[in-house]
């Protein structure tokens, strides 16, 4: 039984939720309806929110369950009209197959690159390894984060209804998320097919462990869907800069507060940004080795 609190009615006490109560993630607006369960987490229909598995998180943005708010208390009086009640996206077996299969394909490709092409390159952080993190459905496509010893990239993969056969490698495109617009570069590999990548970190010397890199990747994915930090323009550097500020705070002795195990939000950017040039932007010339190998 869920004992932790959540944001919403009933003073945040999940034990007071009706079995049929419907809740919504405040970060990405994903709706959990007990009548439908959760396909991504293989939660059967009829499972109340209070009885979800202890490690359950938002299947869309990976946010903690404490971020969910009640939109229908299950009593009928507070229910939204059926015509406007939010519904979870329809299940698509092909998209689920991509979410399940693409991480292994990216990991296999970049591990081969690491071993075969990157040996002896000074920009490697050899405390890190290749890992695909947080891959999930996003607007009919697949979104995730790819970590290697030399870069951390947001990856966007075409869905079953998309035709990206004409994607030009190196072509730039601004992609919109709730938190803003981010610059992606086109890429195409025989092992993965076409995809788009947005670089957040390169090189990776700010990270002292793989756990730290994975926490950053998951926090960055959650921040993409945080409309509270939205501003116009390319936001790729803001997520990275916020994490750099967090790493700096850790070095000053605040590690316990900065890196909580269930952290799902990145602190908003300072009023006067001081971004570094991104590898997939103004820094492309100086960091070209990351692009040639990474994408």
C-alpha atoms as a PDB file:
ATOM      1  CA  UNK A   1       0.000   0.000   0.000  1.00  0.00           C
ATOM      2  CA  UNK A   2       1.287   3.471  -0.947  1.00  0.00           C
ATOM      3  CA  UNK A   3       2.251   5.417   2.185  1.00  0.00           C
ATOM      4  CA  UNK A   4       3.988   8.393   0.611  1.00  0.00           C
ATOM      5  CA  UNK A   5       2.183  11.667   0.032  1.00  0.00           C
ATOM      6  CA  UNK A   6       1.136  13.211  -3.249  1.00  0.00           C
ATOM      7  CA  UNK A   7       0.180  16.720  -4.377  1.00  0.00           C
ATOM      8  CA  UNK A   8      -3.553  17.247  -4.501  1.00  0.00           C
ATOM      9  CA  UNK A   9      -6.702  16.682  -2.460  1.00  0.00           C
ATOM     10  CA  UNK A  10      -7.135  14.791   0.808  1.00  0.00           C
ATOM     11  CA  UNK A  11      -4.117  16.644   2.310  1.00  0.00           C
ATOM     12  CA  UNK A  12      -1.879  14.491   0.140  1.00  0.00           C
ATOM     13  CA  UNK A  13      -2.857  11.310   2.019  1.00  0.00           C
ATOM     14  CA  UNK A  14      -3.033   8.505  -0.562  1.00  0.00           C
ATOM     15  CA  UNK A  15      -4.853   6.259   1.912  1.00  0.00           C
ATOM     16  CA  UNK A  16      -7.903   8.535   1.583  1.00  0.00           C
ATOM     17  CA  UNK A  17      -8.101   8.171  -2.207  1.00  0.00           C
ATOM     18  CA  UNK A  18     -11.086   6.318  -3.635  1.00  0.00           C
ATOM     19  CA  UNK A  19     -10.111   3.198  -5.617  1.00  0.00           C
ATOM     20  CA  UNK A  20     -11.454   4.860  -8.775  1.00  0.00           C
ATOM     21  CA  UNK A  21      -9.731   8.249  -8.263  1.00  0.00           C
ATOM     22  CA  UNK A  22      -8.031   9.603 -11.416  1.00  0.00           C
ATOM     23  CA  UNK A  23      -4.766  11.564 -11.045  1.00  0.00           C
ATOM     24  CA  UNK A  24      -2.644  13.666 -13.386  1.00  0.00           C
ATOM     25  CA  UNK A  25       1.125  14.313 -13.474  1.00  0.00           C
ATOM     26  CA  UNK A  26       1.740  18.030 -12.913  1.00  0.00           C
ATOM     27  CA  UNK A  27       4.938  17.883 -14.999  1.00  0.00           C
ATOM     28  CA  UNK A  28       3.726  16.381 -18.288  1.00  0.00           C
ATOM     29  CA  UNK A  29      -0.058  16.053 -17.682  1.00  0.00           C
ATOM     30  CA  UNK A  30      -0.061  12.287 -18.103  1.00  0.00           C
ATOM     31  CA  UNK A  31      -3.264  10.836 -16.600  1.00  0.00           C
ATOM     32  CA  UNK A  32      -3.398   7.681 -14.477  1.00  0.00           C
ATOM     33  CA  UNK A  33      -6.885   6.163 -14.669  1.00  0.00           C
ATOM     34  CA  UNK A  34      -7.360   3.017 -12.534  1.00  0.00           C
ATOM     35  CA  UNK A  35      -9.891   1.752 -15.068  1.00  0.00           C
ATOM     36  CA  UNK A  36      -7.111   1.570 -17.679  1.00  0.00           C
ATOM     37  CA  UNK A  37      -4.048   0.681 -15.568  1.00  0.00           C
ATOM     38  CA  UNK A  38      -0.595   1.375 -17.038  1.00  0.00           C
ATOM     39  CA  UNK A  39       0.625  -0.465 -20.135  1.00  0.00           C
ATOM     40  CA  UNK A  40       4.226   0.775 -19.794  1.00  0.00           C
ATOM     41  CA  UNK A  41       4.581  -0.586 -16.243  1.00  0.00           C
ATOM     42  CA  UNK A  42       2.340  -3.616 -16.949  1.00  0.00           C
ATOM     43  CA  UNK A  43      -0.126  -2.531 -14.263  1.00  0.00           C
ATOM     44  CA  UNK A  44      -3.470  -4.257 -14.910  1.00  0.00           C
ATOM     45  CA  UNK A  45      -6.719  -2.345 -15.338  1.00  0.00           C
ATOM     46  CA  UNK A  46      -8.568  -1.889 -12.060  1.00  0.00           C
ATOM     47  CA  UNK A  47      -5.469  -1.048  -9.990  1.00  0.00           C
ATOM     48  CA  UNK A  48      -6.096   1.964  -7.687  1.00  0.00           C
ATOM     49  CA  UNK A  49      -3.445   4.676  -7.578  1.00  0.00           C
ATOM     50  CA  UNK A  50      -2.716   3.839  -3.926  1.00  0.00           C
ATOM     51  CA  UNK A  51      -1.874   0.236  -4.865  1.00  0.00           C
ATOM     52  CA  UNK A  52       0.643   0.955  -7.636  1.00  0.00           C
ATOM     53  CA  UNK A  53       4.058  -0.743  -7.244  1.00  0.00           C
ATOM     54  CA  UNK A  54       6.410   1.089  -4.870  1.00  0.00           C
ATOM     55  CA  UNK A  55       8.852   1.932  -7.683  1.00  0.00           C
ATOM     56  CA  UNK A  56       6.168   3.151 -10.110  1.00  0.00           C
ATOM     57  CA  UNK A  57       6.880   6.489 -11.799  1.00  0.00           C
ATOM     58  CA  UNK A  58       5.180   8.520 -14.507  1.00  0.00           C
ATOM     59  CA  UNK A  59       5.496   6.482 -17.744  1.00  0.00           C
ATOM     60  CA  UNK A  60       5.713   9.642 -19.838  1.00  0.00           C
ATOM     61  CA  UNK A  61       8.250  11.878 -18.036  1.00  0.00           C
ATOM     62  CA  UNK A  62       9.608   9.556 -15.304  1.00  0.00           C
ATOM     63  CA  UNK A  63       8.329  11.939 -12.610  1.00  0.00           C
ATOM     64  CA  UNK A  64       7.759  10.673  -9.073  1.00  0.00           C
ATOM     65  CA  UNK A  65       4.233   9.673  -8.097  1.00  0.00           C
ATOM     66  CA  UNK A  66       4.231  12.479  -5.511  1.00  0.00           C
ATOM     67  CA  UNK A  67       3.914  14.871  -8.476  1.00  0.00           C
ATOM     68  CA  UNK A  68       0.420  13.539  -9.329  1.00  0.00           C
ATOM     69  CA  UNK A  69      -2.681  15.571  -8.539  1.00  0.00           C
ATOM     70  CA  UNK A  70      -6.317  14.449  -8.259  1.00  0.00           C
ATOM     71  CA  UNK A  71      -8.508  15.462 -11.212  1.00  0.00           C
ATOM     72  CA  UNK A  72     -11.389  13.089 -10.406  1.00  0.00           C
ATOM     73  CA  UNK A  73     -11.849  11.995  -6.797  1.00  0.00           C
ATOM     74  CA  UNK A  74     -13.889   8.951  -7.798  1.00  0.00           C
ATOM     75  CA  UNK A  75     -16.973  10.174  -5.978  1.00  0.00           C
ATOM     76  CA  UNK A  76     -18.688  11.551  -9.036  1.00  0.00           C
ATOM     77  CA  UNK A  77     -19.201  15.159  -7.881  1.00  0.00           C
ATOM     78  CA  UNK A  78     -15.722  16.337  -8.872  1.00  0.00           C
ATOM     79  CA  UNK A  79     -15.509  14.305 -12.054  1.00  0.00           C
ATOM     80  CA  UNK A  80     -14.805  16.078 -15.304  1.00  0.00           C
ATOM     81  CA  UNK A  81     -17.452  15.793 -18.022  1.00  0.00           C
ATOM     82  CA  UNK A  82     -16.870  12.685 -20.117  1.00  0.00           C
ATOM     83  CA  UNK A  83     -16.457  14.850 -23.218  1.00  0.00           C
ATOM     84  CA  UNK A  84     -13.387  16.623 -21.778  1.00  0.00           C
ATOM     85  CA  UNK A  85     -11.953  14.073 -19.343  1.00  0.00           C
ATOM     86  CA  UNK A  86      -8.279  13.430 -20.219  1.00  0.00           C
ATOM     87  CA  UNK A  87      -7.488   9.971 -21.464  1.00  0.00           C
ATOM     88  CA  UNK A  88      -4.203   8.115 -21.573  1.00  0.00           C
ATOM     89  CA  UNK A  89      -2.727   7.691 -25.062  1.00  0.00           C
ATOM     90  CA  UNK A  90      -3.960   4.660 -26.926  1.00  0.00           C
ATOM     91  CA  UNK A  91      -1.626   1.696 -26.703  1.00  0.00           C
ATOM     92  CA  UNK A  92       0.452   1.073 -29.822  1.00  0.00           C
ATOM     93  CA  UNK A  93       2.302  -2.232 -29.883  1.00  0.00           C
ATOM     94  CA  UNK A  94       4.722  -1.051 -32.574  1.00  0.00           C
ATOM     95  CA  UNK A  95       5.739   1.992 -30.544  1.00  0.00           C
ATOM     96  CA  UNK A  96       6.177  -0.156 -27.436  1.00  0.00           C
ATOM     97  CA  UNK A  97       8.444  -2.462 -29.427  1.00  0.00           C
ATOM     98  CA  UNK A  98      10.615   0.493 -30.434  1.00  0.00           C
ATOM     99  CA  UNK A  99      10.848   1.695 -26.825  1.00  0.00           C
ATOM    100  CA  UNK A 100      11.900  -1.789 -25.742  1.00  0.00           C
ATOM    101  CA  UNK A 101      14.361  -2.466 -28.563  1.00  0.00           C
ATOM    102  CA  UNK A 102      16.111   0.807 -29.410  1.00  0.00           C
ATOM    103  CA  UNK A 103      18.169   1.210 -26.185  1.00  0.00           C
ATOM    104  CA  UNK A 104      20.028  -2.042 -26.838  1.00  0.00           C
ATOM    105  CA  UNK A 105      20.740  -1.030 -30.439  1.00  0.00           C
ATOM    106  CA  UNK A 106      22.180   2.350 -29.412  1.00  0.00           C
ATOM    107  CA  UNK A 107      24.237   0.782 -26.627  1.00  0.00           C
ATOM    108  CA  UNK A 108      25.677  -1.875 -28.955  1.00  0.00           C
ATOM    109  CA  UNK A 109      26.604   0.718 -31.597  1.00  0.00           C
ATOM    110  CA  UNK A 110      28.315   3.174 -29.250  1.00  0.00           C
ATOM    111  CA  UNK A 111      30.106   0.482 -27.258  1.00  0.00           C
ATOM    112  CA  UNK A 112      31.616  -0.648 -30.543  1.00  0.00           C
ATOM    113  CA  UNK A 113      32.585   2.958 -31.321  1.00  0.00           C
ATOM    114  CA  UNK A 114      34.086   3.320 -27.836  1.00  0.00           C
ATOM    115  CA  UNK A 115      36.236   0.238 -28.235  1.00  0.00           C
ATOM    116  CA  UNK A 116      37.093   0.531 -31.932  1.00  0.00           C
ATOM    117  CA  UNK A 117      37.366   4.262 -32.604  1.00  0.00           C
ATOM    118  CA  UNK A 118      37.793   6.144 -29.337  1.00  0.00           C
ATOM    119  CA  UNK A 119      40.703   4.264 -27.763  1.00  0.00           C
ATOM    120  CA  UNK A 120      43.322   6.749 -26.540  1.00  0.00           C
ATOM    121  CA  UNK A 121      41.225   9.845 -27.299  1.00  0.00           C
ATOM    122  CA  UNK A 122      41.902  12.340 -24.452  1.00  0.00           C
ATOM    123  CA  UNK A 123      38.303  13.579 -24.147  1.00  0.00           C
ATOM    124  CA  UNK A 124      37.121  10.225 -22.694  1.00  0.00           C
ATOM    125  CA  UNK A 125      35.995   9.950 -19.078  1.00  0.00           C
ATOM    126  CA  UNK A 126      36.824   6.296 -18.514  1.00  0.00           C
ATOM    127  CA  UNK A 127      34.871   6.134 -15.242  1.00  0.00           C
ATOM    128  CA  UNK A 128      31.731   6.181 -17.404  1.00  0.00           C
ATOM    129  CA  UNK A 129      30.217   3.616 -19.737  1.00  0.00           C
ATOM    130  CA  UNK A 130      27.755   3.574 -22.615  1.00  0.00           C
ATOM    131  CA  UNK A 131      24.147   3.426 -21.450  1.00  0.00           C
ATOM    132  CA  UNK A 132      20.707   4.341 -22.842  1.00  0.00           C
ATOM    133  CA  UNK A 133      18.548   5.886 -20.099  1.00  0.00           C
ATOM    134  CA  UNK A 134      14.849   6.647 -19.744  1.00  0.00           C
ATOM    135  CA  UNK A 135      13.638   5.690 -23.226  1.00  0.00           C
ATOM    136  CA  UNK A 136       9.863   6.229 -23.404  1.00  0.00           C
ATOM    137  CA  UNK A 137       7.073   7.118 -25.874  1.00  0.00           C
ATOM    138  CA  UNK A 138       6.715  10.796 -26.725  1.00  0.00           C
ATOM    139  CA  UNK A 139       4.055  12.077 -29.137  1.00  0.00           C
ATOM    140  CA  UNK A 140       4.181   8.893 -31.191  1.00  0.00           C
ATOM    141  CA  UNK A 141       7.986   8.786 -31.214  1.00  0.00           C
ATOM    142  CA  UNK A 142      10.687   7.513 -28.847  1.00  0.00           C
ATOM    143  CA  UNK A 143      12.577   9.862 -26.537  1.00  0.00           C
ATOM    144  CA  UNK A 144      15.528   8.995 -24.335  1.00  0.00           C
ATOM    145  CA  UNK A 145      19.008   9.894 -23.179  1.00  0.00           C
ATOM    146  CA  UNK A 146      22.270   8.349 -24.385  1.00  0.00           C
ATOM    147  CA  UNK A 147      25.306   8.452 -22.078  1.00  0.00           C
ATOM    148  CA  UNK A 148      28.830   7.663 -23.282  1.00  0.00           C
ATOM    149  CA  UNK A 149      32.287   8.420 -21.822  1.00  0.00           C
ATOM    150  CA  UNK A 150      32.492  11.441 -24.151  1.00  0.00           C
ATOM    151  CA  UNK A 151      28.961  12.914 -24.399  1.00  0.00           C
ATOM    152  CA  UNK A 152      25.392  12.957 -23.065  1.00  0.00           C
ATOM    153  CA  UNK A 153      22.721  13.409 -25.742  1.00  0.00           C
ATOM    154  CA  UNK A 154      18.937  13.623 -25.813  1.00  0.00           C
ATOM    155  CA  UNK A 155      17.830  11.212 -28.561  1.00  0.00           C
ATOM    156  CA  UNK A 156      14.597  11.413 -30.574  1.00  0.00           C
ATOM    157  CA  UNK A 157      13.679   8.396 -32.713  1.00  0.00           C
ATOM    158  CA  UNK A 158      10.917   8.291 -35.359  1.00  0.00           C
ATOM    159  CA  UNK A 159       7.744   6.419 -34.497  1.00  0.00           C
ATOM    160  CA  UNK A 160       5.978   3.779 -36.598  1.00  0.00           C
ATOM    161  CA  UNK A 161       3.968   6.451 -38.435  1.00  0.00           C
ATOM    162  CA  UNK A 162       7.006   8.619 -39.295  1.00  0.00           C
ATOM    163  CA  UNK A 163       9.071   8.596 -42.472  1.00  0.00           C
ATOM    164  CA  UNK A 164      12.512  10.015 -41.741  1.00  0.00           C
ATOM    165  CA  UNK A 165      14.213   8.389 -44.721  1.00  0.00           C
ATOM    166  CA  UNK A 166      15.018  11.847 -46.085  1.00  0.00           C
ATOM    167  CA  UNK A 167      16.627  13.080 -42.867  1.00  0.00           C
ATOM    168  CA  UNK A 168      19.902  14.853 -43.682  1.00  0.00           C
ATOM    169  CA  UNK A 169      22.747  14.052 -41.249  1.00  0.00           C
ATOM    170  CA  UNK A 170      23.909  17.269 -39.597  1.00  0.00           C
ATOM    171  CA  UNK A 171      20.712  19.180 -40.427  1.00  0.00           C
ATOM    172  CA  UNK A 172      19.628  21.390 -37.512  1.00  0.00           C
ATOM    173  CA  UNK A 173      16.076  21.546 -36.201  1.00  0.00           C
ATOM    174  CA  UNK A 174      14.444  23.183 -33.173  1.00  0.00           C
ATOM    175  CA  UNK A 175      12.159  20.710 -31.400  1.00  0.00           C
ATOM    176  CA  UNK A 176       9.499  22.015 -28.998  1.00  0.00           C
ATOM    177  CA  UNK A 177       8.963  20.679 -25.462  1.00  0.00           C
ATOM    178  CA  UNK A 178       6.904  22.167 -22.600  1.00  0.00           C
ATOM    179  CA  UNK A 179      10.070  23.795 -21.207  1.00  0.00           C
ATOM    180  CA  UNK A 180      11.127  25.386 -24.512  1.00  0.00           C
ATOM    181  CA  UNK A 181      12.779  24.702 -27.853  1.00  0.00           C
ATOM    182  CA  UNK A 182      15.941  22.595 -28.200  1.00  0.00           C
ATOM    183  CA  UNK A 183      18.319  22.292 -31.137  1.00  0.00           C
ATOM    184  CA  UNK A 184      18.690  18.776 -32.535  1.00  0.00           C
ATOM    185  CA  UNK A 185      20.960  17.499 -35.294  1.00  0.00           C
ATOM    186  CA  UNK A 186      19.951  14.824 -37.767  1.00  0.00           C
ATOM    187  CA  UNK A 187      21.898  11.542 -37.781  1.00  0.00           C
ATOM    188  CA  UNK A 188      21.568   8.241 -39.583  1.00  0.00           C
ATOM    189  CA  UNK A 189      23.329   4.984 -38.728  1.00  0.00           C
ATOM    190  CA  UNK A 190      22.812   1.602 -40.326  1.00  0.00           C
ATOM    191  CA  UNK A 191      22.551   0.033 -36.865  1.00  0.00           C
ATOM    192  CA  UNK A 192      19.851   2.416 -35.587  1.00  0.00           C
ATOM    193  CA  UNK A 193      18.297   4.089 -38.598  1.00  0.00           C
ATOM    194  CA  UNK A 194      17.654   7.849 -38.680  1.00  0.00           C
ATOM    195  CA  UNK A 195      17.369   9.809 -35.440  1.00  0.00           C
ATOM    196  CA  UNK A 196      17.865  13.306 -34.028  1.00  0.00           C
ATOM    197  CA  UNK A 197      20.245  14.175 -31.177  1.00  0.00           C
ATOM    198  CA  UNK A 198      20.654  17.171 -28.874  1.00  0.00           C
ATOM    199  CA  UNK A 199      23.912  17.393 -26.906  1.00  0.00           C
ATOM    200  CA  UNK A 200      23.851  18.493 -23.258  1.00  0.00           C
ATOM    201  CA  UNK A 201      27.389  17.586 -22.119  1.00  0.00           C
ATOM    202  CA  UNK A 202      30.662  16.990 -23.974  1.00  0.00           C
ATOM    203  CA  UNK A 203      33.202  16.147 -22.720  1.00  0.00           C
ATOM    204  CA  UNK A 204      32.014  14.377 -19.569  1.00  0.00           C
ATOM    205  CA  UNK A 205      34.691  15.276 -17.020  1.00  0.00           C
ATOM    206  CA  UNK A 206      32.167  16.925 -14.671  1.00  0.00           C
ATOM    207  CA  UNK A 207      30.935  13.456 -13.714  1.00  0.00           C
ATOM    208  CA  UNK A 208      32.785  11.338 -11.168  1.00  0.00           C
ATOM    209  CA  UNK A 209      30.564   8.246 -11.368  1.00  0.00           C
ATOM    210  CA  UNK A 210      28.096   6.485 -13.629  1.00  0.00           C
ATOM    211  CA  UNK A 211      25.385   6.932 -10.993  1.00  0.00           C
ATOM    212  CA  UNK A 212      25.869  10.698 -11.121  1.00  0.00           C
ATOM    213  CA  UNK A 213      25.601  10.690 -14.923  1.00  0.00           C
ATOM    214  CA  UNK A 214      22.426   8.577 -14.872  1.00  0.00           C
ATOM    215  CA  UNK A 215      20.793  10.844 -12.272  1.00  0.00           C
ATOM    216  CA  UNK A 216      21.584  13.841 -14.441  1.00  0.00           C
ATOM    217  CA  UNK A 217      20.123  12.146 -17.521  1.00  0.00           C
ATOM    218  CA  UNK A 218      16.856  11.336 -15.760  1.00  0.00           C
ATOM    219  CA  UNK A 219      16.603  14.827 -14.271  1.00  0.00           C
ATOM    220  CA  UNK A 220      17.202  16.385 -17.691  1.00  0.00           C
ATOM    221  CA  UNK A 221      14.449  14.297 -19.267  1.00  0.00           C
ATOM    222  CA  UNK A 222      12.029  15.379 -16.545  1.00  0.00           C
ATOM    223  CA  UNK A 223      13.065  19.027 -17.007  1.00  0.00           C
ATOM    224  CA  UNK A 224      12.102  18.878 -20.679  1.00  0.00           C
ATOM    225  CA  UNK A 225       8.466  18.659 -19.564  1.00  0.00           C
ATOM    226  CA  UNK A 226       8.633  21.347 -16.856  1.00  0.00           C
ATOM    227  CA  UNK A 227       6.741  24.317 -18.299  1.00  0.00           C
ATOM    228  CA  UNK A 228       7.736  26.413 -15.255  1.00  0.00           C
ATOM    229  CA  UNK A 229      11.236  26.918 -16.681  1.00  0.00           C
ATOM    230  CA  UNK A 230      10.017  27.781 -20.162  1.00  0.00           C
ATOM    231  CA  UNK A 231      11.444  30.710 -22.093  1.00  0.00           C
ATOM    232  CA  UNK A 232      11.711  31.279 -25.798  1.00  0.00           C
ATOM    233  CA  UNK A 233      14.820  30.289 -27.727  1.00  0.00           C
ATOM    234  CA  UNK A 234      17.087  27.258 -27.620  1.00  0.00           C
ATOM    235  CA  UNK A 235      17.008  25.778 -24.080  1.00  0.00           C
ATOM    236  CA  UNK A 236      19.540  22.984 -24.583  1.00  0.00           C
ATOM    237  CA  UNK A 237      22.174  24.774 -22.538  1.00  0.00           C
ATOM    238  CA  UNK A 238      19.838  25.611 -19.645  1.00  0.00           C
ATOM    239  CA  UNK A 239      19.376  22.019 -18.536  1.00  0.00           C
ATOM    240  CA  UNK A 240      23.110  21.435 -18.757  1.00  0.00           C
ATOM    241  CA  UNK A 241      23.970  24.636 -16.922  1.00  0.00           C
ATOM    242  CA  UNK A 242      21.510  23.846 -14.133  1.00  0.00           C
ATOM    243  CA  UNK A 243      23.215  20.502 -13.612  1.00  0.00           C
ATOM    244  CA  UNK A 244      26.639  22.155 -13.641  1.00  0.00           C
ATOM    245  CA  UNK A 245      25.418  24.462 -10.860  1.00  0.00           C
ATOM    246  CA  UNK A 246      24.236  21.397  -8.934  1.00  0.00           C
ATOM    247  CA  UNK A 247      27.599  19.676  -9.378  1.00  0.00           C
ATOM    248  CA  UNK A 248      29.331  22.812  -8.157  1.00  0.00           C
ATOM    249  CA  UNK A 249      27.113  22.869  -5.074  1.00  0.00           C
ATOM    250  CA  UNK A 250      27.994  19.229  -4.412  1.00  0.00           C
ATOM    251  CA  UNK A 251      31.673  20.111  -4.408  1.00  0.00           C
ATOM    252  CA  UNK A 252      30.934  22.782  -1.819  1.00  0.00           C
ATOM    253  CA  UNK A 253      29.396  20.243   0.531  1.00  0.00           C
ATOM    254  CA  UNK A 254      25.721  20.184  -0.423  1.00  0.00           C
ATOM    255  CA  UNK A 255      25.635  16.774  -2.099  1.00  0.00           C
ATOM    256  CA  UNK A 256      22.941  15.294   0.140  1.00  0.00           C
ATOM    257  CA  UNK A 257      20.473  18.028  -0.737  1.00  0.00           C
ATOM    258  CA  UNK A 258      21.355  18.363  -4.396  1.00  0.00           C
ATOM    259  CA  UNK A 259      21.252  14.734  -5.542  1.00  0.00           C
ATOM    260  CA  UNK A 260      18.213  13.070  -3.957  1.00  0.00           C
ATOM    261  CA  UNK A 261      17.599   9.560  -5.239  1.00  0.00           C
ATOM    262  CA  UNK A 262      14.122  10.458  -6.485  1.00  0.00           C
ATOM    263  CA  UNK A 263      14.942  13.913  -7.876  1.00  0.00           C
ATOM    264  CA  UNK A 264      12.815  14.614 -10.945  1.00  0.00           C
ATOM    265  CA  UNK A 265      13.234  18.370 -11.460  1.00  0.00           C
ATOM    266  CA  UNK A 266      16.171  20.554 -12.421  1.00  0.00           C
ATOM    267  CA  UNK A 267      16.482  23.935 -10.707  1.00  0.00           C
ATOM    268  CA  UNK A 268      15.411  26.863 -12.935  1.00  0.00           C
ATOM    269  CA  UNK A 269      18.182  28.779 -14.698  1.00  0.00           C
ATOM    270  CA  UNK A 270      19.673  31.930 -13.147  1.00  0.00           C
ATOM    271  CA  UNK A 271      18.352  35.306 -14.275  1.00  0.00           C
ATOM    272  CA  UNK A 272      21.484  36.019 -16.314  1.00  0.00           C
ATOM    273  CA  UNK A 273      22.414  32.889 -18.298  1.00  0.00           C
ATOM    274  CA  UNK A 274      26.092  32.087 -18.792  1.00  0.00           C
ATOM    275  CA  UNK A 275      25.790  29.129 -21.145  1.00  0.00           C
ATOM    276  CA  UNK A 276      28.737  27.446 -22.759  1.00  0.00           C
ATOM    277  CA  UNK A 277      28.526  26.882 -26.491  1.00  0.00           C
ATOM    278  CA  UNK A 278      26.773  23.578 -27.192  1.00  0.00           C
ATOM    279  CA  UNK A 279      28.493  20.805 -29.127  1.00  0.00           C
ATOM    280  CA  UNK A 280      25.404  20.732 -31.337  1.00  0.00           C
ATOM    281  CA  UNK A 281      25.384  24.498 -31.873  1.00  0.00           C
ATOM    282  CA  UNK A 282      27.987  27.200 -31.697  1.00  0.00           C
ATOM    283  CA  UNK A 283      30.590  24.795 -30.334  1.00  0.00           C
ATOM    284  CA  UNK A 284      30.319  22.407 -33.264  1.00  0.00           C
ATOM    285  CA  UNK A 285      33.639  23.489 -34.749  1.00  0.00           C
ATOM    286  CA  UNK A 286      35.671  23.170 -31.549  1.00  0.00           C
ATOM    287  CA  UNK A 287      33.982  19.932 -30.417  1.00  0.00           C
ATOM    288  CA  UNK A 288      33.586  18.367 -33.832  1.00  0.00           C
ATOM    289  CA  UNK A 289      35.130  15.094 -32.735  1.00  0.00           C
ATOM    290  CA  UNK A 290      32.160  14.503 -30.459  1.00  0.00           C
ATOM    291  CA  UNK A 291      29.723  15.083 -33.307  1.00  0.00           C
ATOM    292  CA  UNK A 292      31.527  12.919 -35.853  1.00  0.00           C
ATOM    293  CA  UNK A 293      31.659   9.957 -33.539  1.00  0.00           C
ATOM    294  CA  UNK A 294      28.633  10.589 -31.363  1.00  0.00           C
ATOM    295  CA  UNK A 295      26.031  11.015 -34.054  1.00  0.00           C
END
